[in-house]
Amino acid sequence: MVNYIMLYRIRKKVKKILKDKITDGELATTKTSCIGCLADDISWEIYYLLKEKEKES
């Protein structure tokens, strides 16, 4: 079962980090880039990595 609260917290932190990096000029963006979409993709990957680690423990 997916823990959506955990996923939301991960997404919120990832989105903040991405916005900070864009502001600092560390990440290039285009007119069509979607920060939320990128944050979603990264968040899901982090979530699955955490779930795998949890299963191994």
Protein backbone atom coordinates (compact mmCIF):
# COMPACT_ATOMS: atom_id res chain seq x y z
CA MET A 1 0.00 0.00 0.00
CA VAL A 2 1.27 3.46 -0.89
CA ASN A 3 1.82 5.85 1.99
CA TYR A 4 0.59 9.08 0.39
CA ILE A 5 1.45 11.21 3.43
CA MET A 6 5.08 10.13 3.20
CA LEU A 7 5.04 10.66 -0.57
CA TYR A 8 3.56 14.16 -0.15
CA ARG A 9 6.28 15.11 2.36
CA ILE A 10 9.00 13.83 0.03
CA ARG A 11 7.46 15.72 -2.92
CA LYS A 12 7.22 18.95 -0.91
CA LYS A 13 10.92 18.77 0.06
CA VAL A 14 12.03 17.82 -3.46
CA LYS A 15 10.03 20.68 -4.99
CA LYS A 16 11.59 23.17 -2.55
CA ILE A 17 15.10 21.92 -3.32
CA LEU A 18 14.44 22.20 -7.08
CA LYS A 19 13.06 25.73 -6.76
CA ASP A 20 16.08 26.79 -4.67
CA LYS A 21 18.48 25.32 -7.23
CA ILE A 22 16.68 27.09 -10.09
CA THR A 23 16.81 30.37 -8.18
CA ASP A 24 20.55 29.90 -7.62
CA GLY A 25 21.06 29.14 -11.31
CA GLU A 26 22.18 25.56 -10.68
CA LEU A 27 19.39 24.07 -12.86
CA ALA A 28 18.35 25.29 -16.28
CA THR A 29 14.67 25.49 -17.09
CA THR A 30 12.67 26.14 -20.23
CA LYS A 31 9.26 27.70 -20.80
CA THR A 32 7.68 24.25 -20.96
CA SER A 33 9.46 22.68 -18.00
CA CYS A 34 7.20 21.49 -15.20
CA ILE A 35 8.79 21.60 -11.75
CA GLY A 36 5.86 19.73 -10.20
CA CYS A 37 6.17 16.89 -12.74
CA LEU A 38 9.88 16.55 -12.12
CA ALA A 39 9.30 16.65 -8.35
CA ASP A 40 6.66 13.91 -8.71
CA ASP A 41 9.01 11.64 -10.66
CA ILE A 42 11.87 12.13 -8.22
CA SER A 43 9.56 11.70 -5.23
CA TRP A 44 8.24 8.37 -6.49
CA GLU A 45 11.78 7.11 -7.05
CA ILE A 46 12.82 8.15 -3.53
CA TYR A 47 9.68 6.59 -2.10
CA TYR A 48 10.36 3.24 -3.79
CA LEU A 49 14.00 3.31 -2.68
CA LEU A 50 12.87 3.89 0.92
CA LYS A 51 10.33 1.05 0.66
CA GLU A 52 13.03 -1.32 -0.68
CA LYS A 53 15.37 -0.33 2.14
CA GLU A 54 12.55 -0.89 4.66
CA LYS A 55 11.91 -4.40 3.28
CA GLU A 56 15.60 -5.29 3.52
CA SER A 57 15.73 -4.30 7.20
